[in-house]
Amino acid sequence: MSVKDISKVPQHVAIIMDGNGRWAQQRHLPRNMGHVKGASGVRVLVERCAELGIECLTLFAFSTENWRRPDDEVSTLMGLFVHYLEKELRGLSDAGVRLKVIGDVARFKPELRQKIEAAQSVTENNTRITLCVAANYGGRWDVVEAIKRWQAVNPGESVADLTEAALSGHLSTAGLPDVDLLVRTGGEQRISNFLLWQCAYSELYFTQTHWPDFDAEELVKALGWYARRTRRFGMTSEQTKEFAG
């Protein structure tokens, strides 16, 4: 698949980065080496998305359920996050990338929280592409927290008055477009509590390719598949054509 074959580009791509451990095991390496390899390709992928005109890329880096993994694996993932913020931030910022971290970061160590806050501050005015990193994130948590935030802003109102538009404005992704294309690597075919509200009308692309092998070429394959989809949003094919025209 060539870039020339991509007739339409999604505004927002979200990726469940799965298969790191299996990639390592297939090569008789420790599982943690899969995470290291997977993290090493993020910057190239972000820059490729920016070149193609994608406005937002969201990566599922660490879920609320990932705390159940072995302590050494959790420690590796946290260490990689710190390393990424320290080593890659300047390059991403120079490339016009705005970093946004979504999720319950209160559970992270103070050092990591400070680095997250600093990185978001440094890049907040960049406009080329938004890199949204979901860390200690869960879709159900996001919706519940959004309701709490709405109620805090509207203390005198009943939840019976809450609308979809109002709730969207209090989600962790407020201000970003809903997800057009959700990609999951590693062969599994589920969304695993990721951006449940934001993916309501997403096209779902599942690939056997493990995350460490998901490079710019694999991204183009996913975008080519997306370009061939007809997004109806409840309308018939004929209505969709009229709406697009």
Protein backbone atom coordinates (compact mmCIF):
# COMPACT_ATOMS: atom_id res chain seq x y z
CA MET A 1 0.00 0.00 0.00
CA SER A 2 1.37 3.38 -1.04
CA VAL A 3 0.67 6.74 0.55
CA LYS A 4 -0.72 7.78 -2.84
CA ASP A 5 -3.47 5.17 -2.40
CA ILE A 6 -4.80 6.90 0.72
CA SER A 7 -7.75 8.98 -0.43
CA LYS A 8 -8.80 10.22 3.01
CA VAL A 9 -6.93 10.63 6.26
CA PRO A 10 -8.57 10.33 9.69
CA GLN A 11 -8.41 13.27 12.05
CA HIS A 12 -7.84 11.10 15.11
CA VAL A 13 -6.08 7.73 15.22
CA ALA A 14 -5.92 5.73 18.44
CA ILE A 15 -3.70 2.69 18.91
CA ILE A 16 -3.78 -0.11 21.48
CA MET A 17 -0.11 -1.03 21.51
CA ASP A 18 -0.38 -4.77 22.13
CA GLY A 19 2.02 -7.65 21.60
CA ASN A 20 5.24 -6.41 23.18
CA GLY A 21 5.61 -9.42 25.44
CA ARG A 22 4.79 -11.94 22.74
CA TRP A 23 7.23 -10.24 20.35
CA ALA A 24 9.98 -10.72 22.92
CA GLN A 25 9.03 -14.31 23.76
CA GLN A 26 9.12 -15.28 20.09
CA ARG A 27 12.73 -14.11 20.08
CA HIS A 28 13.56 -15.80 23.40
CA LEU A 29 14.01 -12.43 25.07
CA PRO A 30 12.63 -11.15 28.39
CA ARG A 31 9.16 -9.60 28.07
CA ASN A 32 10.55 -6.23 29.13
CA MET A 33 12.69 -6.11 25.99
CA GLY A 34 9.49 -6.03 23.97
CA HIS A 35 8.38 -2.90 25.80
CA VAL A 36 11.77 -1.27 25.19
CA LYS A 37 11.62 -2.09 21.48
CA GLY A 38 8.02 -0.91 21.23
CA ALA A 39 8.81 2.44 22.83
CA SER A 40 11.75 3.04 20.52
CA GLY A 41 9.56 3.43 17.44
CA VAL A 42 7.02 5.88 18.83
CA ARG A 43 8.74 9.08 17.71
CA VAL A 44 9.04 7.95 14.07
CA LEU A 45 5.39 6.95 14.04
CA VAL A 46 4.27 10.26 15.51
CA GLU A 47 6.24 12.21 12.94
CA ARG A 48 4.83 10.06 10.13
CA CYS A 49 1.29 10.76 11.34
CA ALA A 50 2.06 14.48 11.34
CA GLU A 51 3.43 14.29 7.78
CA LEU A 52 0.22 12.59 6.63
CA GLY A 53 -1.98 15.29 8.15
CA ILE A 54 -3.39 13.34 11.11
CA GLU A 55 -4.38 15.85 13.79
CA CYS A 56 -4.28 13.60 16.82
CA LEU A 57 -2.63 10.28 17.71
CA THR A 58 -3.61 8.60 20.98
CA LEU A 59 -1.51 5.74 22.31
CA PHE A 60 -2.70 3.36 25.03
CA ALA A 61 0.49 3.20 27.08
CA PHE A 62 -0.77 1.89 30.42
CA SER A 63 -4.27 0.86 31.44
CA THR A 64 -5.83 0.85 34.89
CA GLU A 65 -5.70 -2.95 34.67
CA ASN A 66 -1.96 -3.07 33.91
CA TRP A 67 -1.13 -2.64 37.61
CA ARG A 68 -1.94 -6.35 37.90
CA ARG A 69 1.16 -7.25 35.89
CA PRO A 70 4.40 -8.40 37.59
CA ASP A 71 6.14 -5.67 39.56
CA ASP A 72 9.25 -5.72 37.39
CA GLU A 73 7.18 -5.24 34.23
CA VAL A 74 5.26 -2.32 35.76
CA SER A 75 8.56 -0.82 36.86
CA THR A 76 9.93 -1.13 33.32
CA LEU A 77 6.89 0.57 31.85
CA MET A 78 7.14 3.45 34.33
CA GLY A 79 10.86 3.77 33.62
CA LEU A 80 10.23 3.90 29.89
CA PHE A 81 7.71 6.67 30.41
CA VAL A 82 10.25 8.73 32.34
CA HIS A 83 12.93 7.99 29.74
CA TYR A 84 10.61 9.03 26.92
CA LEU A 85 9.81 12.33 28.57
CA GLU A 86 13.49 13.03 29.23
CA LYS A 87 15.03 11.93 25.93
CA GLU A 88 12.36 12.47 23.29
CA LEU A 89 10.56 15.59 24.45
CA ARG A 90 12.83 18.15 22.80
CA GLY A 91 12.72 16.38 19.44
CA LEU A 92 8.95 16.04 19.55
CA SER A 93 8.52 19.66 20.57
CA ASP A 94 10.80 20.85 17.78
CA ALA A 95 8.65 18.82 15.38
CA GLY A 96 5.53 20.71 16.48
CA VAL A 97 4.05 17.95 18.64
CA ARG A 98 1.75 18.86 21.51
CA LEU A 99 1.83 16.27 24.30
CA LYS A 100 -1.28 15.53 26.31
CA VAL A 101 -1.43 12.81 28.97
CA ILE A 102 -4.84 11.41 29.89
CA GLY A 103 -5.61 9.11 32.79
CA ASP A 104 -5.41 9.05 36.57
CA VAL A 105 -1.81 10.20 37.05
CA ALA A 106 -2.30 10.63 40.81
CA ARG A 107 -1.06 7.07 41.35
CA PHE A 108 2.29 7.80 39.70
CA LYS A 109 5.37 8.82 41.67
CA PRO A 110 5.88 12.59 42.16
CA GLU A 111 8.90 12.60 39.81
CA LEU A 112 6.85 11.22 36.94
CA ARG A 113 3.91 13.53 37.62
CA GLN A 114 6.24 16.53 37.57
CA LYS A 115 7.79 15.46 34.27
CA ILE A 116 4.34 14.95 32.74
CA GLU A 117 3.22 18.41 33.84
CA ALA A 118 6.41 20.01 32.55
CA ALA A 119 6.21 18.23 29.19
CA GLN A 120 2.62 19.29 28.66
CA SER A 121 3.49 22.87 29.56
CA VAL A 122 6.49 23.00 27.20
CA THR A 123 4.47 21.70 24.22
CA GLU A 124 1.05 23.24 24.89
CA ASN A 125 1.30 25.80 22.07
CA ASN A 126 2.42 23.33 19.39
CA THR A 127 -0.20 22.75 16.70
CA ARG A 128 1.17 20.31 14.13
CA ILE A 129 -0.17 17.19 15.85
CA THR A 130 -1.39 16.23 19.32
CA LEU A 131 0.20 13.13 20.83
CA CYS A 132 -2.21 11.91 23.48
CA VAL A 133 -0.74 9.30 25.82
CA ALA A 134 -3.25 7.29 27.86
CA ALA A 135 -1.51 6.34 31.10
CA ASN A 136 -3.32 4.66 33.99
CA TYR A 137 -6.36 5.18 31.81
CA GLY A 138 -9.68 3.35 31.59
CA GLY A 139 -12.68 4.26 29.49
CA ARG A 140 -15.19 3.62 32.28
CA TRP A 141 -13.09 5.72 34.66
CA ASP A 142 -13.08 8.53 32.09
CA VAL A 143 -16.88 8.62 31.83
CA VAL A 144 -17.41 8.49 35.61
CA GLU A 145 -14.87 11.27 36.17
CA ALA A 146 -16.51 13.38 33.45
CA ILE A 147 -19.87 13.11 35.22
CA LYS A 148 -18.23 14.16 38.50
CA ARG A 149 -16.58 17.14 36.83
CA TRP A 150 -19.86 18.17 35.17
CA GLN A 151 -21.65 17.99 38.53
CA ALA A 152 -18.92 20.06 40.20
CA VAL A 153 -19.31 22.78 37.56
CA ASN A 154 -23.13 22.57 37.74
CA PRO A 155 -23.85 21.96 41.43
CA GLY A 156 -27.43 23.14 41.24
CA GLU A 157 -28.42 20.95 38.30
CA SER A 158 -29.66 17.37 38.19
CA VAL A 159 -27.91 14.69 36.15
CA ALA A 160 -31.24 14.42 34.37
CA ASP A 161 -30.19 17.64 32.62
CA LEU A 162 -26.85 16.19 31.48
CA THR A 163 -26.48 15.95 27.69
CA GLU A 164 -23.99 14.11 25.50
CA ALA A 165 -22.46 17.38 24.36
CA ALA A 166 -22.05 18.58 27.92
CA LEU A 167 -20.45 15.34 29.05
CA SER A 168 -18.02 15.32 26.11
CA GLY A 169 -16.70 18.65 27.30
CA HIS A 170 -15.59 17.07 30.57
CA LEU A 171 -13.93 13.93 29.23
CA SER A 172 -10.14 13.69 29.39
CA THR A 173 -10.08 14.23 25.61
CA ALA A 174 -12.18 17.40 25.67
CA GLY A 175 -11.33 19.59 22.71
CA LEU A 176 -10.07 16.71 20.57
CA PRO A 177 -12.07 15.09 17.77
CA ASP A 178 -13.62 11.69 18.40
CA VAL A 179 -11.56 8.72 17.25
CA ASP A 180 -11.98 7.94 13.53
CA LEU A 181 -9.69 4.92 13.41
CA LEU A 182 -8.87 2.57 16.27
CA VAL A 183 -5.93 0.24 15.65
CA ARG A 184 -5.07 -2.74 17.82
CA THR A 185 -1.83 -4.58 17.20
CA GLY A 186 -0.92 -8.05 18.41
CA GLY A 187 -3.83 -10.07 17.03
CA GLU A 188 -6.44 -9.53 19.74
CA GLN A 189 -9.85 -8.18 18.71
CA ARG A 190 -11.24 -6.18 21.61
CA ILE A 191 -11.01 -2.57 22.77
CA SER A 192 -10.11 -3.33 26.40
CA ASN A 193 -11.78 -0.37 28.11
CA PHE A 194 -10.03 2.16 25.86
CA LEU A 195 -11.74 5.43 24.89
CA LEU A 196 -15.20 3.83 25.10
CA TRP A 197 -17.09 7.09 24.57
CA GLN A 198 -14.70 8.51 22.00
CA CYS A 199 -14.70 5.32 19.87
CA ALA A 200 -18.49 5.13 19.48
CA TYR A 201 -18.22 5.51 15.69
CA SER A 202 -14.63 4.45 15.11
CA GLU A 203 -13.51 2.11 12.38
CA LEU A 204 -11.79 -0.84 14.10
CA TYR A 205 -8.60 -2.19 12.53
CA PHE A 206 -7.05 -5.33 14.01
CA THR A 207 -3.67 -6.57 12.87
CA GLN A 208 -1.57 -9.61 13.75
CA THR A 209 1.53 -7.42 13.71
CA HIS A 210 2.95 -6.98 17.19
CA TRP A 211 3.53 -3.43 18.37
CA PRO A 212 7.36 -3.46 18.10
CA ASP A 213 6.97 -4.29 14.39
CA PHE A 214 4.22 -1.74 13.74
CA ASP A 215 6.22 0.79 11.74
CA ALA A 216 5.36 3.55 9.27
CA GLU A 217 4.64 0.98 6.55
CA GLU A 218 2.14 -0.82 8.79
CA LEU A 219 0.54 2.53 9.58
CA VAL A 220 0.05 3.22 5.89
CA LYS A 221 -1.63 -0.20 5.50
CA ALA A 222 -4.08 0.70 8.27
CA LEU A 223 -4.79 4.09 6.71
CA GLY A 224 -5.33 2.48 3.32
CA TRP A 225 -7.87 0.13 4.87
CA TYR A 226 -9.58 3.10 6.53
CA ALA A 227 -9.72 5.00 3.24
CA ARG A 228 -11.76 2.18 1.69
CA ARG A 229 -14.37 2.25 4.45
CA THR A 230 -17.72 4.01 4.01
CA ARG A 231 -18.62 5.82 7.20
CA ARG A 232 -22.42 6.02 7.37
CA PHE A 233 -23.12 7.24 10.93
CA GLY A 234 -26.56 5.63 10.79
CA MET A 235 -27.39 6.85 7.28
CA THR A 236 -27.81 4.79 4.12
CA SER A 237 -25.05 4.70 1.50
CA GLU A 238 -27.04 7.07 -0.70
CA GLN A 239 -27.55 9.55 2.15
CA THR A 240 -23.87 9.36 3.00
CA LYS A 241 -22.93 10.30 -0.58
CA GLU A 242 -25.32 13.25 -0.53
CA PHE A 243 -24.03 14.39 2.85
CA ALA A 244 -20.40 14.18 1.67
CA GLY A 245 -21.23 16.05 -1.51
